[in-house]
Amino acid sequence: MATIIFLVITGLLIKHLFFWKPASISHFYKRKSPLFIAHRGLHTNEPENTTPAVKKAIKAGFLAVELDTFTSLDKKIICSHNIDLERETEGRGFIDEKKYSELKKITYRPKRNKNINKNKNLPLLSEVFDYFGKEVLLIIDVKTKNMWDISPAINLVKLIKKFKRKKSVIVSSFNPLIVFIIKWMAPKILTGFIIENQSYLRLTNIIHPDFLHPRGDIINDRVVSYAEKKHIPINTWTINNAAAWKWLHKKGVSGVITDEHPFN
């Protein structure tokens, strides 16, 4: 009996590590150029990670937008790149230490001495889902203060299911545990693993991301070859010039996260 259990467990482990296949959303990627992804929306004259920034990106021609998220004290998913409030807003303290009832009263700091951010607040991800249709691909970067805290993944899966966004989101994170939990809870939700070091490639056999999101300066033949072998598309960040876009696309990169306007 013990031998049978050992063989079953070994077989399941081998299957998990070596016989998996990433899902795809090819309808967003059928293009002769890379899929351009607006980094935090178009935020030259709008606060980043907000509905106005996403709206401007879509109006400019983007089919995909990357957004960053943190979770509030009462488990609301807030669109923000930083957990501290001082960087972009008039607030003080940290997102995870305040309830949304407090956070929604905080406004963004004006950009370039203008009042364009006046009365603009930290948005909920649910508001972005509610405002924009499924024709827009949202790449959601889940940021965590504590690597072992999986509650952001659990809450996000619930939200994606509620808004029926499984086919129009990619959930990405630097935290491999978040990627793993999302895939374990909801296999049909697409995931991306953000990496800054090639050594993290080995984790893909464990967490099964559907996309690799390497930083642009670590992309080389080894990274591209590995991704092709695993049939994992690459979305890279943050690339802001046309020559690099063309070079990366020739290398086999599928998507480019950028702060620039590539459609001028």
Protein backbone atom coordinates (compact mmCIF):
# COMPACT_ATOMS: atom_id res chain seq x y z
CA MET A 1 0.00 0.00 0.00
CA ALA A 2 2.81 2.40 0.90
CA THR A 3 4.45 1.70 -2.47
CA ILE A 4 1.22 2.54 -4.31
CA ILE A 5 0.83 5.82 -2.40
CA PHE A 6 4.47 6.71 -3.12
CA LEU A 7 4.03 6.01 -6.84
CA VAL A 8 0.82 8.05 -7.02
CA ILE A 9 2.41 11.02 -5.26
CA THR A 10 5.52 10.76 -7.43
CA GLY A 11 3.38 10.62 -10.57
CA LEU A 12 1.36 13.66 -9.51
CA LEU A 13 4.54 15.57 -8.71
CA ILE A 14 6.09 14.74 -12.09
CA LYS A 15 2.88 15.78 -13.83
CA HIS A 16 2.79 19.07 -11.91
CA LEU A 17 6.42 19.92 -12.60
CA PHE A 18 6.81 18.83 -16.21
CA PHE A 19 3.44 18.30 -17.89
CA TRP A 20 1.62 21.61 -17.70
CA LYS A 21 0.65 24.06 -20.37
CA PRO A 22 -0.06 27.79 -20.06
CA ALA A 23 -3.38 29.17 -21.21
CA SER A 24 -3.63 31.99 -23.74
CA ILE A 25 -5.67 34.98 -24.88
CA SER A 26 -4.51 35.07 -28.46
CA HIS A 27 -7.22 37.51 -29.57
CA PHE A 28 -5.30 40.32 -27.84
CA TYR A 29 -1.96 39.31 -29.39
CA LYS A 30 -2.72 38.68 -33.09
CA ARG A 31 -0.62 41.56 -34.37
CA LYS A 32 2.52 42.19 -36.40
CA SER A 33 3.80 44.44 -33.63
CA PRO A 34 3.93 43.73 -29.90
CA LEU A 35 0.86 44.33 -27.79
CA PHE A 36 1.47 47.74 -26.24
CA ILE A 37 0.42 47.90 -22.61
CA ALA A 38 -0.05 51.29 -20.94
CA HIS A 39 2.03 51.35 -17.76
CA ARG A 40 -0.36 52.48 -15.01
CA GLY A 41 -2.50 54.01 -17.76
CA LEU A 42 -1.47 57.15 -19.62
CA HIS A 43 -0.48 59.30 -16.67
CA THR A 44 1.39 62.27 -18.10
CA ASN A 45 -1.43 64.60 -17.08
CA GLU A 46 -3.46 62.24 -14.92
CA PRO A 47 -2.67 60.45 -11.67
CA GLU A 48 -1.33 56.96 -12.37
CA ASN A 49 -3.45 53.87 -11.76
CA THR A 50 -6.71 55.80 -12.01
CA THR A 51 -9.81 55.58 -14.18
CA PRO A 52 -8.92 58.84 -16.05
CA ALA A 53 -5.45 57.42 -16.85
CA VAL A 54 -6.96 54.18 -18.15
CA LYS A 55 -9.54 56.11 -20.13
CA LYS A 56 -6.82 58.21 -21.80
CA ALA A 57 -4.83 55.09 -22.68
CA ILE A 58 -7.82 53.46 -24.37
CA LYS A 59 -8.65 56.67 -26.24
CA ALA A 60 -5.02 56.80 -27.44
CA GLY A 61 -5.31 53.30 -28.94
CA PHE A 62 -4.08 50.95 -26.20
CA LEU A 63 -5.85 47.60 -25.97
CA ALA A 64 -4.19 46.74 -22.65
CA VAL A 65 -3.40 48.58 -19.43
CA GLU A 66 -1.23 47.61 -16.47
CA LEU A 67 -2.45 48.56 -12.99
CA ASP A 68 -0.85 48.12 -9.56
CA THR A 69 -2.84 47.12 -6.49
CA PHE A 70 -2.58 46.99 -2.72
CA THR A 71 -5.18 45.85 -0.20
CA SER A 72 -6.68 48.15 2.44
CA LEU A 73 -7.17 47.28 6.09
CA ASP A 74 -10.75 46.19 5.35
CA LYS A 75 -9.62 44.04 2.37
CA LYS A 76 -10.65 46.40 -0.43
CA ILE A 77 -8.43 46.25 -3.51
CA ILE A 78 -6.98 49.71 -4.15
CA CYS A 79 -5.24 50.79 -7.36
CA SER A 80 -1.88 52.18 -6.30
CA HIS A 81 1.79 51.52 -7.07
CA ASN A 82 3.02 52.41 -3.59
CA ILE A 83 1.78 51.23 -0.23
CA ASP A 84 2.74 54.59 1.27
CA LEU A 85 0.39 57.47 0.55
CA GLU A 86 2.97 60.27 0.47
CA ARG A 87 4.37 59.56 -3.01
CA GLU A 88 1.31 60.54 -5.04
CA THR A 89 -1.37 61.83 -2.68
CA GLU A 90 -2.05 64.40 0.00
CA GLY A 91 -2.44 61.59 2.52
CA ARG A 92 -0.08 60.17 5.12
CA GLY A 93 0.51 56.63 6.29
CA PHE A 94 0.01 53.30 4.55
CA ILE A 95 -2.81 51.81 2.49
CA ASP A 96 -2.88 48.54 4.43
CA GLU A 97 -3.32 50.43 7.71
CA LYS A 98 -6.42 52.37 6.66
CA LYS A 99 -9.98 51.39 5.82
CA TYR A 100 -11.40 52.40 2.46
CA SER A 101 -13.74 54.87 4.19
CA GLU A 102 -10.57 56.81 5.09
CA LEU A 103 -8.72 56.22 1.82
CA LYS A 104 -11.54 57.48 -0.41
CA LYS A 105 -11.27 60.90 1.20
CA ILE A 106 -7.61 61.25 0.18
CA THR A 107 -6.92 63.18 -3.03
CA TYR A 108 -3.95 63.13 -5.38
CA ARG A 109 -1.30 65.81 -5.23
CA PRO A 110 -1.48 68.22 -8.20
CA LYS A 111 0.99 67.51 -11.02
CA ARG A 112 3.32 70.22 -12.31
CA ASN A 113 1.64 72.86 -10.15
CA LYS A 114 -1.70 72.30 -11.88
CA ASN A 115 -5.05 71.48 -10.37
CA ILE A 116 -5.71 68.55 -12.71
CA ASN A 117 -5.69 66.06 -9.82
CA LYS A 118 -8.08 68.07 -7.70
CA ASN A 119 -10.84 65.90 -6.21
CA LYS A 120 -9.38 62.72 -7.78
CA ASN A 121 -9.27 59.87 -5.30
CA LEU A 122 -7.61 56.47 -4.94
CA PRO A 123 -9.81 54.16 -7.03
CA LEU A 124 -11.05 50.70 -6.17
CA LEU A 125 -10.22 48.01 -8.72
CA SER A 126 -13.94 47.18 -8.74
CA GLU A 127 -14.61 50.70 -10.06
CA VAL A 128 -12.19 50.12 -12.93
CA PHE A 129 -13.87 46.78 -13.71
CA ASP A 130 -17.26 48.46 -13.60
CA TYR A 131 -16.24 51.33 -15.87
CA PHE A 132 -14.35 49.49 -18.62
CA GLY A 133 -15.60 46.64 -20.79
CA LYS A 134 -14.02 43.26 -21.40
CA GLU A 135 -12.54 44.45 -24.70
CA VAL A 136 -9.78 46.02 -22.59
CA LEU A 137 -7.09 43.69 -21.23
CA LEU A 138 -6.15 44.65 -17.68
CA ILE A 139 -2.85 43.42 -16.30
CA ILE A 140 -3.19 43.57 -12.52
CA ASP A 141 0.04 43.69 -10.57
CA VAL A 142 -0.72 42.36 -7.07
CA LYS A 143 1.69 43.92 -4.60
CA THR A 144 2.11 42.50 -1.10
CA LYS A 145 3.85 43.82 1.99
CA ASN A 146 4.15 40.34 3.45
CA MET A 147 5.16 37.53 1.09
CA TRP A 148 3.10 34.97 3.01
CA ASP A 149 -0.13 36.97 2.99
CA ILE A 150 -2.38 35.28 0.42
CA SER A 151 -5.52 37.29 1.21
CA PRO A 152 -4.95 39.68 -1.76
CA ALA A 153 -5.07 36.67 -4.11
CA ILE A 154 -8.23 35.28 -2.50
CA ASN A 155 -10.02 38.66 -2.63
CA LEU A 156 -8.96 39.27 -6.22
CA VAL A 157 -10.23 35.89 -7.43
CA LYS A 158 -13.62 36.70 -5.89
CA LEU A 159 -13.69 40.10 -7.58
CA ILE A 160 -12.70 38.76 -11.00
CA LYS A 161 -15.41 36.11 -10.79
CA LYS A 162 -17.99 38.65 -9.66
CA PHE A 163 -17.29 40.87 -12.68
CA LYS A 164 -16.81 37.89 -15.05
CA ARG A 165 -13.38 39.15 -16.14
CA LYS A 166 -11.55 35.82 -16.42
CA LYS A 167 -10.87 36.29 -20.14
CA SER A 168 -9.80 39.92 -19.95
CA VAL A 169 -7.30 40.04 -17.09
CA ILE A 170 -3.80 38.82 -16.39
CA VAL A 171 -2.97 38.72 -12.69
CA SER A 172 0.75 39.29 -12.21
CA SER A 173 3.03 39.57 -9.20
CA PHE A 174 6.63 39.54 -8.04
CA ASN A 175 5.38 37.24 -5.30
CA PRO A 176 5.40 33.62 -6.62
CA LEU A 177 3.00 32.53 -3.88
CA ILE A 178 0.35 34.94 -5.17
CA VAL A 179 0.74 33.55 -8.71
CA PHE A 180 0.51 29.99 -7.39
CA ILE A 181 -2.59 30.63 -5.26
CA ILE A 182 -4.43 32.42 -8.08
CA LYS A 183 -3.75 29.49 -10.43
CA TRP A 184 -4.68 26.94 -7.77
CA MET A 185 -7.96 28.68 -6.87
CA ALA A 186 -9.02 29.57 -10.41
CA PRO A 187 -7.07 27.77 -13.19
CA LYS A 188 -8.89 29.74 -15.90
CA ILE A 189 -7.63 33.09 -14.63
CA LEU A 190 -4.45 34.01 -16.50
CA THR A 191 -1.35 34.79 -14.46
CA GLY A 192 1.99 36.48 -15.07
CA PHE A 193 5.19 36.07 -13.07
CA ILE A 194 7.21 39.29 -12.75
CA ILE A 195 10.95 38.70 -12.52
CA GLU A 196 14.06 40.87 -12.22
CA ASN A 197 16.52 37.98 -12.16
CA GLN A 198 16.84 34.97 -14.46
CA SER A 199 17.30 32.65 -11.49
CA TYR A 200 13.57 32.93 -10.82
CA LEU A 201 12.76 31.17 -14.10
CA ARG A 202 13.07 27.82 -12.31
CA LEU A 203 9.95 28.63 -10.27
CA THR A 204 7.72 28.50 -13.34
CA ASN A 205 7.51 24.69 -13.09
CA ILE A 206 6.00 25.10 -9.63
CA ILE A 207 3.69 28.12 -9.98
CA HIS A 208 2.62 27.60 -13.64
CA PRO A 209 2.28 31.19 -14.91
CA ASP A 210 0.62 31.79 -18.26
CA PHE A 211 2.96 34.72 -18.99
CA LEU A 212 6.48 35.74 -18.05
CA HIS A 213 6.95 39.41 -17.16
CA PRO A 214 10.73 39.95 -17.06
CA ARG A 215 12.30 43.37 -16.68
CA GLY A 216 13.47 44.55 -20.08
CA ASP A 217 17.19 44.60 -19.33
CA ILE A 218 17.37 40.90 -18.42
CA ILE A 219 15.88 39.68 -21.69
CA ASN A 220 18.39 37.71 -23.73
CA ASP A 221 18.51 34.51 -25.79
CA ARG A 222 18.36 32.33 -22.67
CA VAL A 223 15.16 33.95 -21.37
CA VAL A 224 13.48 33.89 -24.78
CA SER A 225 14.55 30.29 -25.42
CA TYR A 226 13.23 29.19 -22.02
CA ALA A 227 9.89 30.91 -22.62
CA GLU A 228 9.56 29.37 -26.09
CA LYS A 229 10.35 25.91 -24.73
CA LYS A 230 7.61 26.29 -22.11
CA HIS A 231 5.23 28.01 -24.59
CA ILE A 232 4.96 31.00 -22.25
CA PRO A 233 4.48 34.41 -23.91
CA ILE A 234 6.58 37.31 -22.63
CA ASN A 235 5.29 40.74 -21.61
CA THR A 236 8.25 42.92 -20.66
CA TRP A 237 8.59 46.20 -18.74
CA THR A 238 9.15 49.16 -18.87
CA ILE A 239 10.30 49.95 -22.42
CA ASN A 240 10.06 53.53 -23.65
CA ASN A 241 11.68 53.75 -27.07
CA ALA A 242 10.77 52.49 -30.53
CA ALA A 243 14.13 50.86 -31.31
CA ALA A 244 13.83 48.66 -28.21
CA TRP A 245 10.22 47.76 -29.08
CA LYS A 246 11.31 46.50 -32.51
CA TRP A 247 14.31 44.60 -31.15
CA LEU A 248 12.24 42.89 -28.46
CA HIS A 249 9.51 41.94 -30.91
CA LYS A 250 12.11 40.37 -33.23
CA LYS A 251 13.38 38.42 -30.23
CA GLY A 252 9.92 36.98 -29.73
CA VAL A 253 8.47 39.24 -27.03
CA SER A 254 4.66 39.37 -27.24
CA GLY A 255 3.85 42.44 -25.16
CA VAL A 256 5.58 45.64 -24.08
CA ILE A 257 4.63 47.65 -21.02
CA THR A 258 5.42 51.29 -21.71
CA ASP A 259 4.98 54.83 -20.40
CA GLU A 260 5.14 56.23 -23.93
CA HIS A 261 2.53 56.77 -26.65
CA PRO A 262 3.45 54.31 -29.47
CA PHE A 263 0.59 55.28 -31.77
CA ASN A 264 1.69 58.83 -32.64
